[in-house]
Amino acid sequence: MDSMTRIFDLSTPAKRFRFVAILEAITWAALLVAMFFKWVLGHTEAVAVPGMTHGIVFVVFVAISLVTALSLKWSLKVTALALASSIPPFGTLVFEWWAARNGHLAELSVEQNPAAELAA
């Protein structure tokens, strides 16, 4: 499967988490660009749509993090890291990469770690 098709595969909790983590990072980027337009160029209305969109995706990320934590039986520490990752820009991507490397994202951990797949 090519990488674009894998991003839109929402068949498991880990894959849904990855999709929303990427979406949250994209909306962060849009909001940062909009904030530049607002604060540097003076277009105060620039943040209205990206801000609302990011807010909605942020809430969805928090919800999907909790659902994924329950489904994959994450520890309280991993769950707290997932929730905290939504605060800094692009933190959700860093958490998703870390979680996949450290075996917290079920089949995505095997997918991204060929050595683990060979050992199985």
PDB file of N, CA and C in Angstrom:
ATOM      1  N   MET A   1       0.838  -1.180   0.000  1.00  0.00           N
ATOM      2  CA  MET A   1       0.000   0.000   0.000  1.00  0.00           C
ATOM      3  C   MET A   1       0.883   1.243   0.000  1.00  0.00           C
ATOM      4  N   ASP A   2       0.540   2.209  -0.816  1.00  0.00           N
ATOM      5  CA  ASP A   2       1.356   3.420  -0.799  1.00  0.00           C
ATOM      6  C   ASP A   2       1.030   4.257   0.432  1.00  0.00           C
ATOM      7  N   SER A   3       1.905   5.210   0.742  1.00  0.00           N
ATOM      8  CA  SER A   3       1.780   5.957   1.999  1.00  0.00           C
ATOM      9  C   SER A   3       0.505   6.790   2.071  1.00  0.00           C
ATOM     10  N   MET A   4       0.036   7.350   0.961  1.00  0.00           N
ATOM     11  CA  MET A   4      -1.180   8.159   0.996  1.00  0.00           C
ATOM     12  C   MET A   4      -2.390   7.298   1.344  1.00  0.00           C
ATOM     13  N   THR A   5      -2.474   6.114   0.791  1.00  0.00           N
ATOM     14  CA  THR A   5      -3.586   5.219   1.090  1.00  0.00           C
ATOM     15  C   THR A   5      -3.535   4.788   2.556  1.00  0.00           C
ATOM     16  N   ARG A   6      -2.340   4.571   3.088  1.00  0.00           N
ATOM     17  CA  ARG A   6      -2.212   4.166   4.488  1.00  0.00           C
ATOM     18  C   ARG A   6      -2.704   5.241   5.435  1.00  0.00           C
ATOM     19  N   ILE A   7      -2.500   6.502   5.097  1.00  0.00           N
ATOM     20  CA  ILE A   7      -2.949   7.593   5.965  1.00  0.00           C
ATOM     21  C   ILE A   7      -4.463   7.592   6.090  1.00  0.00           C
ATOM     22  N   PHE A   8      -5.166   7.249   5.009  1.00  0.00           N
ATOM     23  CA  PHE A   8      -6.628   7.276   5.027  1.00  0.00           C
ATOM     24  C   PHE A   8      -7.249   5.944   5.441  1.00  0.00           C
ATOM     25  N   ASP A   9      -6.440   4.971   5.822  1.00  0.00           N
ATOM     26  CA  ASP A   9      -6.947   3.699   6.337  1.00  0.00           C
ATOM     27  C   ASP A   9      -7.296   3.899   7.810  1.00  0.00           C
ATOM     28  N   LEU A  10      -8.583   3.879   8.132  1.00  0.00           N
ATOM     29  CA  LEU A  10      -9.051   4.140   9.494  1.00  0.00           C
ATOM     30  C   LEU A  10      -9.630   2.882  10.137  1.00  0.00           C
ATOM     31  N   SER A  11      -9.104   1.730   9.768  1.00  0.00           N
ATOM     32  CA  SER A  11      -9.700   0.462  10.181  1.00  0.00           C
ATOM     33  C   SER A  11      -9.391   0.030  11.609  1.00  0.00           C
ATOM     34  N   THR A  12      -8.399   0.646  12.259  1.00  0.00           N
ATOM     35  CA  THR A  12      -8.046   0.251  13.625  1.00  0.00           C
ATOM     36  C   THR A  12      -7.905   1.492  14.504  1.00  0.00           C
ATOM     37  N   PRO A  13      -7.941   1.335  15.822  1.00  0.00           N
ATOM     38  CA  PRO A  13      -7.742   2.487  16.710  1.00  0.00           C
ATOM     39  C   PRO A  13      -6.408   3.196  16.463  1.00  0.00           C
ATOM     40  N   ALA A  14      -5.339   2.443  16.241  1.00  0.00           N
ATOM     41  CA  ALA A  14      -4.025   3.050  16.015  1.00  0.00           C
ATOM     42  C   ALA A  14      -4.010   3.861  14.725  1.00  0.00           C
ATOM     43  N   LYS A  15      -4.647   3.352  13.681  1.00  0.00           N
ATOM     44  CA  LYS A  15      -4.686   4.071  12.407  1.00  0.00           C
ATOM     45  C   LYS A  15      -5.562   5.317  12.504  1.00  0.00           C
ATOM     46  N   ARG A  16      -6.649   5.234  13.257  1.00  0.00           N
ATOM     47  CA  ARG A  16      -7.475   6.433  13.474  1.00  0.00           C
ATOM     48  C   ARG A  16      -6.695   7.468  14.268  1.00  0.00           C
ATOM     49  N   PHE A  17      -5.935   7.016  15.270  1.00  0.00           N
ATOM     50  CA  PHE A  17      -5.123   7.938  16.061  1.00  0.00           C
ATOM     51  C   PHE A  17      -4.102   8.636  15.166  1.00  0.00           C
ATOM     52  N   ARG A  18      -3.421   7.875  14.321  1.00  0.00           N
ATOM     53  CA  ARG A  18      -2.421   8.458  13.425  1.00  0.00           C
ATOM     54  C   ARG A  18      -3.050   9.517  12.519  1.00  0.00           C
ATOM     55  N   PHE A  19      -4.211   9.209  11.948  1.00  0.00           N
ATOM     56  CA  PHE A  19      -4.890  10.140  11.050  1.00  0.00           C
ATOM     57  C   PHE A  19      -5.213  11.455  11.763  1.00  0.00           C
ATOM     58  N   VAL A  20      -5.780  11.364  12.958  1.00  0.00           N
ATOM     59  CA  VAL A  20      -6.158  12.577  13.685  1.00  0.00           C
ATOM     60  C   VAL A  20      -4.911  13.329  14.159  1.00  0.00           C
ATOM     61  N   ALA A  21      -3.846  12.622  14.517  1.00  0.00           N
ATOM     62  CA  ALA A  21      -2.598  13.285  14.914  1.00  0.00           C
ATOM     63  C   ALA A  21      -2.031  14.102  13.758  1.00  0.00           C
ATOM     64  N   ILE A  22      -2.058  13.541  12.561  1.00  0.00           N
ATOM     65  CA  ILE A  22      -1.580  14.265  11.374  1.00  0.00           C
ATOM     66  C   ILE A  22      -2.495  15.450  11.084  1.00  0.00           C
ATOM     67  N   LEU A  23      -3.796  15.228  11.167  1.00  0.00           N
ATOM     68  CA  LEU A  23      -4.760  16.303  10.931  1.00  0.00           C
ATOM     69  C   LEU A  23      -4.577  17.444  11.935  1.00  0.00           C
ATOM     70  N   GLU A  24      -4.307  17.109  13.177  1.00  0.00           N
ATOM     71  CA  GLU A  24      -4.106  18.129  14.205  1.00  0.00           C
ATOM     72  C   GLU A  24      -2.864  18.959  13.887  1.00  0.00           C
ATOM     73  N   ALA A  25      -1.817  18.324  13.409  1.00  0.00           N
ATOM     74  CA  ALA A  25      -0.589  19.045  13.036  1.00  0.00           C
ATOM     75  C   ALA A  25      -0.831  19.952  11.825  1.00  0.00           C
ATOM     76  N   ILE A  26      -1.607  19.480  10.871  1.00  0.00           N
ATOM     77  CA  ILE A  26      -1.918  20.295   9.692  1.00  0.00           C
ATOM     78  C   ILE A  26      -2.713  21.530  10.102  1.00  0.00           C
ATOM     79  N   THR A  27      -3.697  21.351  10.981  1.00  0.00           N
ATOM     80  CA  THR A  27      -4.479  22.519  11.410  1.00  0.00           C
ATOM     81  C   THR A  27      -3.644  23.473  12.249  1.00  0.00           C
ATOM     82  N   TRP A  28      -2.662  22.944  12.986  1.00  0.00           N
ATOM     83  CA  TRP A  28      -1.725  23.815  13.714  1.00  0.00           C
ATOM     84  C   TRP A  28      -0.966  24.682  12.719  1.00  0.00           C
ATOM     85  N   ALA A  29      -0.464  24.059  11.648  1.00  0.00           N
ATOM     86  CA  ALA A  29       0.286  24.802  10.630  1.00  0.00           C
ATOM     87  C   ALA A  29      -0.587  25.895  10.012  1.00  0.00           C
ATOM     88  N   ALA A  30      -1.829  25.566   9.695  1.00  0.00           N
ATOM     89  CA  ALA A  30      -2.742  26.564   9.122  1.00  0.00           C
ATOM     90  C   ALA A  30      -2.981  27.702  10.104  1.00  0.00           C
ATOM     91  N   LEU A  31      -3.130  27.375  11.366  1.00  0.00           N
ATOM     92  CA  LEU A  31      -3.347  28.410  12.377  1.00  0.00           C
ATOM     93  C   LEU A  31      -2.108  29.293  12.538  1.00  0.00           C
ATOM     94  N   LEU A  32      -0.924  28.717  12.491  1.00  0.00           N
ATOM     95  CA  LEU A  32       0.293  29.523  12.588  1.00  0.00           C
ATOM     96  C   LEU A  32       0.425  30.494  11.411  1.00  0.00           C
ATOM     97  N   VAL A  33       0.087  30.024  10.222  1.00  0.00           N
ATOM     98  CA  VAL A  33       0.107  30.909   9.050  1.00  0.00           C
ATOM     99  C   VAL A  33      -0.921  32.017   9.226  1.00  0.00           C
ATOM    100  N   ALA A  34      -2.105  31.662   9.691  1.00  0.00           N
ATOM    101  CA  ALA A  34      -3.165  32.660   9.907  1.00  0.00           C
ATOM    102  C   ALA A  34      -2.756  33.676  10.970  1.00  0.00           C
ATOM    103  N   MET A  35      -2.064  33.216  12.015  1.00  0.00           N
ATOM    104  CA  MET A  35      -1.609  34.154  13.051  1.00  0.00           C
ATOM    105  C   MET A  35      -0.579  35.131  12.492  1.00  0.00           C
ATOM    106  N   PHE A  36       0.245  34.675  11.564  1.00  0.00           N
ATOM    107  CA  PHE A  36       1.169  35.590  10.900  1.00  0.00           C
ATOM    108  C   PHE A  36       0.386  36.680  10.167  1.00  0.00           C
ATOM    109  N   PHE A  37      -0.641  36.257   9.413  1.00  0.00           N
ATOM    110  CA  PHE A  37      -1.460  37.234   8.693  1.00  0.00           C
ATOM    111  C   PHE A  37      -2.161  38.193   9.651  1.00  0.00           C
ATOM    112  N   LYS A  38      -2.583  37.690  10.796  1.00  0.00           N
ATOM    113  CA  LYS A  38      -3.276  38.552  11.759  1.00  0.00           C
ATOM    114  C   LYS A  38      -2.306  39.525  12.429  1.00  0.00           C
ATOM    115  N   TRP A  39      -1.247  39.021  13.005  1.00  0.00           N
ATOM    116  CA  TRP A  39      -0.380  39.845  13.838  1.00  0.00           C
ATOM    117  C   TRP A  39       0.664  40.635  13.062  1.00  0.00           C
ATOM    118  N   VAL A  40       1.135  40.135  11.941  1.00  0.00           N
ATOM    119  CA  VAL A  40       2.164  40.840  11.183  1.00  0.00           C
ATOM    120  C   VAL A  40       1.553  41.708  10.081  1.00  0.00           C
ATOM    121  N   LEU A  41       0.564  41.163   9.379  1.00  0.00           N
ATOM    122  CA  LEU A  41      -0.011  41.884   8.254  1.00  0.00           C
ATOM    123  C   LEU A  41      -1.305  42.616   8.602  1.00  0.00           C
ATOM    124  N   GLY A  42      -1.819  42.400   9.806  1.00  0.00           N
ATOM    125  CA  GLY A  42      -2.984  43.144  10.262  1.00  0.00           C
ATOM    126  C   GLY A  42      -4.339  42.660   9.778  1.00  0.00           C
ATOM    127  N   HIS A  43      -4.424  41.466   9.256  1.00  0.00           N
ATOM    128  CA  HIS A  43      -5.710  40.907   8.805  1.00  0.00           C
ATOM    129  C   HIS A  43      -6.356  40.154   9.976  1.00  0.00           C
ATOM    130  N   THR A  44      -7.113  40.887  10.795  1.00  0.00           N
ATOM    131  CA  THR A  44      -7.644  40.303  12.034  1.00  0.00           C
ATOM    132  C   THR A  44      -8.583  39.134  11.792  1.00  0.00           C
ATOM    133  N   GLU A  45      -9.246  39.108  10.657  1.00  0.00           N
ATOM    134  CA  GLU A  45     -10.183  38.030  10.366  1.00  0.00           C
ATOM    135  C   GLU A  45      -9.497  36.742   9.911  1.00  0.00           C
ATOM    136  N   ALA A  46      -8.202  36.781   9.711  1.00  0.00           N
ATOM    137  CA  ALA A  46      -7.468  35.640   9.150  1.00  0.00           C
ATOM    138  C   ALA A  46      -7.530  34.389  10.020  1.00  0.00           C
ATOM    139  N   VAL A  47      -7.693  34.534  11.319  1.00  0.00           N
ATOM    140  CA  VAL A  47      -7.656  33.368  12.199  1.00  0.00           C
ATOM    141  C   VAL A  47      -9.022  32.741  12.442  1.00  0.00           C
ATOM    142  N   ALA A  48     -10.076  33.335  11.947  1.00  0.00           N
ATOM    143  CA  ALA A  48     -11.425  32.847  12.251  1.00  0.00           C
ATOM    144  C   ALA A  48     -11.623  31.389  11.834  1.00  0.00           C
ATOM    145  N   VAL A  49     -11.435  31.083  10.577  1.00  0.00           N
ATOM    146  CA  VAL A  49     -11.676  29.716  10.090  1.00  0.00           C
ATOM    147  C   VAL A  49     -10.587  28.747  10.557  1.00  0.00           C
ATOM    148  N   PRO A  50      -9.299  29.080  10.379  1.00  0.00           N
ATOM    149  CA  PRO A  50      -8.283  28.125  10.870  1.00  0.00           C
ATOM    150  C   PRO A  50      -8.350  27.915  12.387  1.00  0.00           C
ATOM    151  N   GLY A  51      -8.685  28.967  13.124  1.00  0.00           N
ATOM    152  CA  GLY A  51      -8.788  28.831  14.576  1.00  0.00           C
ATOM    153  C   GLY A  51      -9.911  27.901  14.986  1.00  0.00           C
ATOM    154  N   MET A  52     -11.072  28.075  14.346  1.00  0.00           N
ATOM    155  CA  MET A  52     -12.199  27.208  14.670  1.00  0.00           C
ATOM    156  C   MET A  52     -11.920  25.762  14.240  1.00  0.00           C
ATOM    157  N   THR A  53     -11.339  25.617  13.057  1.00  0.00           N
ATOM    158  CA  THR A  53     -11.024  24.273  12.556  1.00  0.00           C
ATOM    159  C   THR A  53     -10.036  23.576  13.485  1.00  0.00           C
ATOM    160  N   HIS A  54      -8.999  24.290  13.885  1.00  0.00           N
ATOM    161  CA  HIS A  54      -8.013  23.700  14.789  1.00  0.00           C
ATOM    162  C   HIS A  54      -8.652  23.353  16.136  1.00  0.00           C
ATOM    163  N   GLY A  55      -9.528  24.219  16.623  1.00  0.00           N
ATOM    164  CA  GLY A  55     -10.207  23.931  17.888  1.00  0.00           C
ATOM    165  C   GLY A  55     -11.026  22.656  17.833  1.00  0.00           C
ATOM    166  N   ILE A  56     -11.739  22.475  16.729  1.00  0.00           N
ATOM    167  CA  ILE A  56     -12.551  21.258  16.562  1.00  0.00           C
ATOM    168  C   ILE A  56     -11.652  20.028  16.488  1.00  0.00           C
ATOM    169  N   VAL A  57     -10.582  20.106  15.686  1.00  0.00           N
ATOM    170  CA  VAL A  57      -9.675  18.962  15.543  1.00  0.00           C
ATOM    171  C   VAL A  57      -8.952  18.680  16.862  1.00  0.00           C
ATOM    172  N   PHE A  58      -8.643  19.728  17.617  1.00  0.00           N
ATOM    173  CA  PHE A  58      -8.028  19.557  18.936  1.00  0.00           C
ATOM    174  C   PHE A  58      -8.930  18.720  19.843  1.00  0.00           C
ATOM    175  N   VAL A  59     -10.215  19.052  19.884  1.00  0.00           N
ATOM    176  CA  VAL A  59     -11.169  18.311  20.713  1.00  0.00           C
ATOM    177  C   VAL A  59     -11.281  16.865  20.220  1.00  0.00           C
ATOM    178  N   VAL A  60     -11.305  16.684  18.906  1.00  0.00           N
ATOM    179  CA  VAL A  60     -11.360  15.326  18.346  1.00  0.00           C
ATOM    180  C   VAL A  60     -10.097  14.558  18.720  1.00  0.00           C
ATOM    181  N   PHE A  61      -8.934  15.217  18.692  1.00  0.00           N
ATOM    182  CA  PHE A  61      -7.684  14.552  19.066  1.00  0.00           C
ATOM    183  C   PHE A  61      -7.716  14.096  20.525  1.00  0.00           C
ATOM    184  N   VAL A  62      -8.205  14.958  21.396  1.00  0.00           N
ATOM    185  CA  VAL A  62      -8.300  14.582  22.812  1.00  0.00           C
ATOM    186  C   VAL A  62      -9.206  13.357  22.957  1.00  0.00           C
ATOM    187  N   ALA A  63     -10.353  13.391  22.283  1.00  0.00           N
ATOM    188  CA  ALA A  63     -11.290  12.262  22.366  1.00  0.00           C
ATOM    189  C   ALA A  63     -10.678  10.986  21.796  1.00  0.00           C
ATOM    190  N   ILE A  64     -10.050  11.077  20.620  1.00  0.00           N
ATOM    191  CA  ILE A  64      -9.475   9.884  20.000  1.00  0.00           C
ATOM    192  C   ILE A  64      -8.291   9.363  20.811  1.00  0.00           C
ATOM    193  N   SER A  65      -7.576  10.266  21.481  1.00  0.00           N
ATOM    194  CA  SER A  65      -6.477   9.828  22.353  1.00  0.00           C
ATOM    195  C   SER A  65      -7.018   8.984  23.499  1.00  0.00           C
ATOM    196  N   LEU A  66      -8.108   9.426  24.104  1.00  0.00           N
ATOM    197  CA  LEU A  66      -8.699   8.674  25.214  1.00  0.00           C
ATOM    198  C   LEU A  66      -9.268   7.337  24.748  1.00  0.00           C
ATOM    199  N   VAL A  67      -9.925   7.336  23.593  1.00  0.00           N
ATOM    200  CA  VAL A  67     -10.474   6.089  23.041  1.00  0.00           C
ATOM    201  C   VAL A  67      -9.340   5.119  22.704  1.00  0.00           C
ATOM    202  N   THR A  68      -8.281   5.639  22.088  1.00  0.00           N
ATOM    203  CA  THR A  68      -7.132   4.797  21.740  1.00  0.00           C
ATOM    204  C   THR A  68      -6.447   4.269  22.996  1.00  0.00           C
ATOM    205  N   ALA A  69      -6.328   5.122  24.004  1.00  0.00           N
ATOM    206  CA  ALA A  69      -5.711   4.693  25.267  1.00  0.00           C
ATOM    207  C   ALA A  69      -6.472   3.522  25.879  1.00  0.00           C
ATOM    208  N   LEU A  70      -7.786   3.589  25.825  1.00  0.00           N
ATOM    209  CA  LEU A  70      -8.594   2.480  26.352  1.00  0.00           C
ATOM    210  C   LEU A  70      -8.466   1.239  25.477  1.00  0.00           C
ATOM    211  N   SER A  71      -8.538   1.430  24.167  1.00  0.00           N
ATOM    212  CA  SER A  71      -8.477   0.292  23.239  1.00  0.00           C
ATOM    213  C   SER A  71      -7.144  -0.427  23.288  1.00  0.00           C
ATOM    214  N   LEU A  72      -6.061   0.337  23.357  1.00  0.00           N
ATOM    215  CA  LEU A  72      -4.725  -0.259  23.324  1.00  0.00           C
ATOM    216  C   LEU A  72      -4.107  -0.422  24.708  1.00  0.00           C
ATOM    217  N   LYS A  73      -4.897  -0.124  25.728  1.00  0.00           N
ATOM    218  CA  LYS A  73      -4.485  -0.299  27.125  1.00  0.00           C
ATOM    219  C   LYS A  73      -3.185   0.463  27.439  1.00  0.00           C
ATOM    220  N   TRP A  74      -3.176   1.753  27.067  1.00  0.00           N
ATOM    221  CA  TRP A  74      -2.027   2.591  27.380  1.00  0.00           C
ATOM    222  C   TRP A  74      -1.955   2.835  28.872  1.00  0.00           C
ATOM    223  N   SER A  75      -0.751   3.009  29.368  1.00  0.00           N
ATOM    224  CA  SER A  75      -0.578   3.392  30.764  1.00  0.00           C
ATOM    225  C   SER A  75      -1.009   4.848  30.931  1.00  0.00           C
ATOM    226  N   LEU A  76      -1.143   5.256  32.182  1.00  0.00           N
ATOM    227  CA  LEU A  76      -1.512   6.644  32.465  1.00  0.00           C
ATOM    228  C   LEU A  76      -0.449   7.603  31.929  1.00  0.00           C
ATOM    229  N   LYS A  77       0.820   7.204  32.020  1.00  0.00           N
ATOM    230  CA  LYS A  77       1.921   8.043  31.527  1.00  0.00           C
ATOM    231  C   LYS A  77       1.826   8.245  30.014  1.00  0.00           C
ATOM    232  N   VAL A  78       1.606   7.175  29.258  1.00  0.00           N
ATOM    233  CA  VAL A  78       1.514   7.280  27.795  1.00  0.00           C
ATOM    234  C   VAL A  78       0.288   8.107  27.416  1.00  0.00           C
ATOM    235  N   THR A  79      -0.816   7.901  28.110  1.00  0.00           N
ATOM    236  CA  THR A  79      -2.026   8.673  27.847  1.00  0.00           C
ATOM    237  C   THR A  79      -1.790  10.157  28.115  1.00  0.00           C
ATOM    238  N   ALA A  80      -1.136  10.470  29.217  1.00  0.00           N
ATOM    239  CA  ALA A  80      -0.833  11.869  29.545  1.00  0.00           C
ATOM    240  C   ALA A  80       0.088  12.483  28.498  1.00  0.00           C
ATOM    241  N   LEU A  81       1.065  11.722  28.014  1.00  0.00           N
ATOM    242  CA  LEU A  81       1.952  12.223  26.961  1.00  0.00           C
ATOM    243  C   LEU A  81       1.177  12.493  25.677  1.00  0.00           C
ATOM    244  N   ALA A  82       0.249  11.611  25.342  1.00  0.00           N
ATOM    245  CA  ALA A  82      -0.571  11.821  24.140  1.00  0.00           C
ATOM    246  C   ALA A  82      -1.381  13.105  24.267  1.00  0.00           C
ATOM    247  N   LEU A  83      -2.006  13.300  25.414  1.00  0.00           N
ATOM    248  CA  LEU A  83      -2.816  14.500  25.615  1.00  0.00           C
ATOM    249  C   LEU A  83      -1.944  15.756  25.617  1.00  0.00           C
ATOM    250  N   ALA A  84      -0.795  15.695  26.265  1.00  0.00           N
ATOM    251  CA  ALA A  84       0.106  16.854  26.316  1.00  0.00           C
ATOM    252  C   ALA A  84       0.686  17.171  24.940  1.00  0.00           C
ATOM    253  N   SER A  85       0.789  16.171  24.083  1.00  0.00           N
ATOM    254  CA  SER A  85       1.376  16.394  22.750  1.00  0.00           C
ATOM    255  C   SER A  85       0.524  17.308  21.883  1.00  0.00           C
ATOM    256  N   SER A  86      -0.723  17.491  22.242  1.00  0.00           N
ATOM    257  CA  SER A  86      -1.596  18.346  21.433  1.00  0.00           C
ATOM    258  C   SER A  86      -1.365  19.828  21.696  1.00  0.00           C
ATOM    259  N   ILE A  87      -0.605  20.164  22.718  1.00  0.00           N
ATOM    260  CA  ILE A  87      -0.419  21.568  23.081  1.00  0.00           C
ATOM    261  C   ILE A  87       0.653  22.259  22.228  1.00  0.00           C
ATOM    262  N   PRO A  88       1.879  21.744  22.141  1.00  0.00           N
ATOM    263  CA  PRO A  88       2.857  22.445  21.285  1.00  0.00           C
ATOM    264  C   PRO A  88       2.582  22.149  19.809  1.00  0.00           C
ATOM    265  N   PRO A  89       2.906  23.096  18.939  1.00  0.00           N
ATOM    266  CA  PRO A  89       2.733  22.831  17.504  1.00  0.00           C
ATOM    267  C   PRO A  89       3.501  21.581  17.074  1.00  0.00           C
ATOM    268  N   PHE A  90       2.830  20.730  16.342  1.00  0.00           N
ATOM    269  CA  PHE A  90       3.390  19.503  15.768  1.00  0.00           C
ATOM    270  C   PHE A  90       3.787  18.461  16.812  1.00  0.00           C
ATOM    271  N   GLY A  91       3.390  18.649  18.045  1.00  0.00           N
ATOM    272  CA  GLY A  91       3.673  17.685  19.098  1.00  0.00           C
ATOM    273  C   GLY A  91       2.984  16.349  18.879  1.00  0.00           C
ATOM    274  N   THR A  92       1.832  16.371  18.221  1.00  0.00           N
ATOM    275  CA  THR A  92       1.124  15.118  17.967  1.00  0.00           C
ATOM    276  C   THR A  92       1.917  14.218  17.023  1.00  0.00           C
ATOM    277  N   LEU A  93       2.637  14.838  16.076  1.00  0.00           N
ATOM    278  CA  LEU A  93       3.474  14.034  15.176  1.00  0.00           C
ATOM    279  C   LEU A  93       4.634  13.403  15.935  1.00  0.00           C
ATOM    280  N   VAL A  94       5.252  14.179  16.799  1.00  0.00           N
ATOM    281  CA  VAL A  94       6.367  13.666  17.598  1.00  0.00           C
ATOM    282  C   VAL A  94       5.878  12.515  18.477  1.00  0.00           C
ATOM    283  N   PHE A  95       4.721  12.692  19.113  1.00  0.00           N
ATOM    284  CA  PHE A  95       4.192  11.622  19.958  1.00  0.00           C
ATOM    285  C   PHE A  95       3.868  10.384  19.128  1.00  0.00           C
ATOM    286  N   GLU A  96       3.243  10.567  17.971  1.00  0.00           N
ATOM    287  CA  GLU A  96       2.869   9.428  17.132  1.00  0.00           C
ATOM    288  C   GLU A  96       4.109   8.647  16.714  1.00  0.00           C
ATOM    289  N   TRP A  97       5.172   9.338  16.313  1.00  0.00           N
ATOM    290  CA  TRP A  97       6.421   8.661  15.942  1.00  0.00           C
ATOM    291  C   TRP A  97       7.000   7.918  17.139  1.00  0.00           C
ATOM    292  N   TRP A  98       7.017   8.578  18.301  1.00  0.00           N
ATOM    293  CA  TRP A  98       7.556   7.958  19.512  1.00  0.00           C
ATOM    294  C   TRP A  98       6.731   6.726  19.898  1.00  0.00           C
ATOM    295  N   ALA A  99       5.407   6.864  19.885  1.00  0.00           N
ATOM    296  CA  ALA A  99       4.527   5.767  20.279  1.00  0.00           C
ATOM    297  C   ALA A  99       4.669   4.575  19.341  1.00  0.00           C
ATOM    298  N   ALA A 100       4.810   4.845  18.046  1.00  0.00           N
ATOM    299  CA  ALA A 100       4.987   3.748  17.089  1.00  0.00           C
ATOM    300  C   ALA A 100       6.327   3.051  17.317  1.00  0.00           C
ATOM    301  N   ARG A 101       7.383   3.815  17.553  1.00  0.00           N
ATOM    302  CA  ARG A 101       8.710   3.229  17.791  1.00  0.00           C
ATOM    303  C   ARG A 101       8.764   2.423  19.076  1.00  0.00           C
ATOM    304  N   ASN A 102       7.963   2.817  20.052  1.00  0.00           N
ATOM    305  CA  ASN A 102       8.028   2.168  21.358  1.00  0.00           C
ATOM    306  C   ASN A 102       6.912   1.153  21.594  1.00  0.00           C
ATOM    307  N   GLY A 103       6.217   0.762  20.541  1.00  0.00           N
ATOM    308  CA  GLY A 103       5.240  -0.310  20.630  1.00  0.00           C
ATOM    309  C   GLY A 103       3.887   0.057  21.211  1.00  0.00           C
ATOM    310  N   HIS A 104       3.548   1.338  21.239  1.00  0.00           N
ATOM    311  CA  HIS A 104       2.272   1.759  21.822  1.00  0.00           C
ATOM    312  C   HIS A 104       1.157   1.899  20.796  1.00  0.00           C
ATOM    313  N   LEU A 105       1.452   1.676  19.515  1.00  0.00           N
ATOM    314  CA  LEU A 105       0.425   1.831  18.489  1.00  0.00           C
ATOM    315  C   LEU A 105       0.171   0.534  17.732  1.00  0.00           C
ATOM    316  N   ALA A 106       0.144  -0.540  18.447  1.00  0.00           N
ATOM    317  CA  ALA A 106      -0.232  -1.852  17.917  1.00  0.00           C
ATOM    318  C   ALA A 106       0.452  -2.146  16.591  1.00  0.00           C
ATOM    319  N   GLU A 107      -0.341  -2.399  15.543  1.00  0.00           N
ATOM    320  CA  GLU A 107       0.206  -2.805  14.245  1.00  0.00           C
ATOM    321  C   GLU A 107       1.052  -1.719  13.584  1.00  0.00           C
ATOM    322  N   LEU A 108       0.862  -0.471  13.930  1.00  0.00           N
ATOM    323  CA  LEU A 108       1.683   0.599  13.356  1.00  0.00           C
ATOM    324  C   LEU A 108       3.109   0.517  13.876  1.00  0.00           C
ATOM    325  N   SER A 109       3.284  -0.010  15.059  1.00  0.00           N
ATOM    326  CA  SER A 109       4.619  -0.167  15.616  1.00  0.00           C
ATOM    327  C   SER A 109       5.408  -1.190  14.808  1.00  0.00           C
ATOM    328  N   VAL A 110       4.778  -2.270  14.393  1.00  0.00           N
ATOM    329  CA  VAL A 110       5.430  -3.292  13.572  1.00  0.00           C
ATOM    330  C   VAL A 110       5.703  -2.729  12.186  1.00  0.00           C
ATOM    331  N   GLU A 111       4.724  -2.007  11.633  1.00  0.00           N
ATOM    332  CA  GLU A 111       4.817  -1.445  10.293  1.00  0.00           C
ATOM    333  C   GLU A 111       6.014  -0.509  10.161  1.00  0.00           C
ATOM    334  N   GLN A 112       6.273   0.291  11.199  1.00  0.00           N
ATOM    335  CA  GLN A 112       7.332   1.277  11.132  1.00  0.00           C
ATOM    336  C   GLN A 112       8.652   0.766  11.683  1.00  0.00           C
ATOM    337  N   ASN A 113       8.666  -0.458  12.181  1.00  0.00           N
ATOM    338  CA  ASN A 113       9.883  -1.001  12.755  1.00  0.00           C
ATOM    339  C   ASN A 113      10.163  -2.358  12.096  1.00  0.00           C
ATOM    340  N   PRO A 114      10.840  -2.368  10.950  1.00  0.00           N
ATOM    341  CA  PRO A 114      11.098  -3.629  10.245  1.00  0.00           C
ATOM    342  C   PRO A 114      11.842  -4.652  11.097  1.00  0.00           C
ATOM    343  N   ALA A 115      12.700  -4.220  12.011  1.00  0.00           N
ATOM    344  CA  ALA A 115      13.419  -5.167  12.849  1.00  0.00           C
ATOM    345  C   ALA A 115      12.457  -5.944  13.748  1.00  0.00           C
ATOM    346  N   ALA A 116      11.431  -5.273  14.265  1.00  0.00           N
ATOM    347  CA  ALA A 116      10.447  -5.948  15.098  1.00  0.00           C
ATOM    348  C   ALA A 116       9.647  -6.958  14.274  1.00  0.00           C
ATOM    349  N   GLU A 117       9.391  -6.632  13.010  1.00  0.00           N
ATOM    350  CA  GLU A 117       8.651  -7.529  12.134  1.00  0.00           C
ATOM    351  C   GLU A 117       9.466  -8.783  11.826  1.00  0.00           C
ATOM    352  N   LEU A 118      10.765  -8.622  11.629  1.00  0.00           N
ATOM    353  CA  LEU A 118      11.625  -9.761  11.346  1.00  0.00           C
ATOM    354  C   LEU A 118      11.774 -10.665  12.560  1.00  0.00           C
ATOM    355  N   ALA A 119      11.768 -10.061  13.747  1.00  0.00           N
ATOM    356  CA  ALA A 119      11.929 -10.836  14.978  1.00  0.00           C
ATOM    357  C   ALA A 119      10.697 -11.657  15.303  1.00  0.00           C
ATOM    358  N   ALA A 120       9.538 -11.251  14.781  1.00  0.00           N
ATOM    359  CA  ALA A 120       8.279 -11.948  15.104  1.00  0.00           C
ATOM    360  C   ALA A 120       8.169 -13.275  14.407  1.00  0.00           C
TER     361      ALA A 120
END
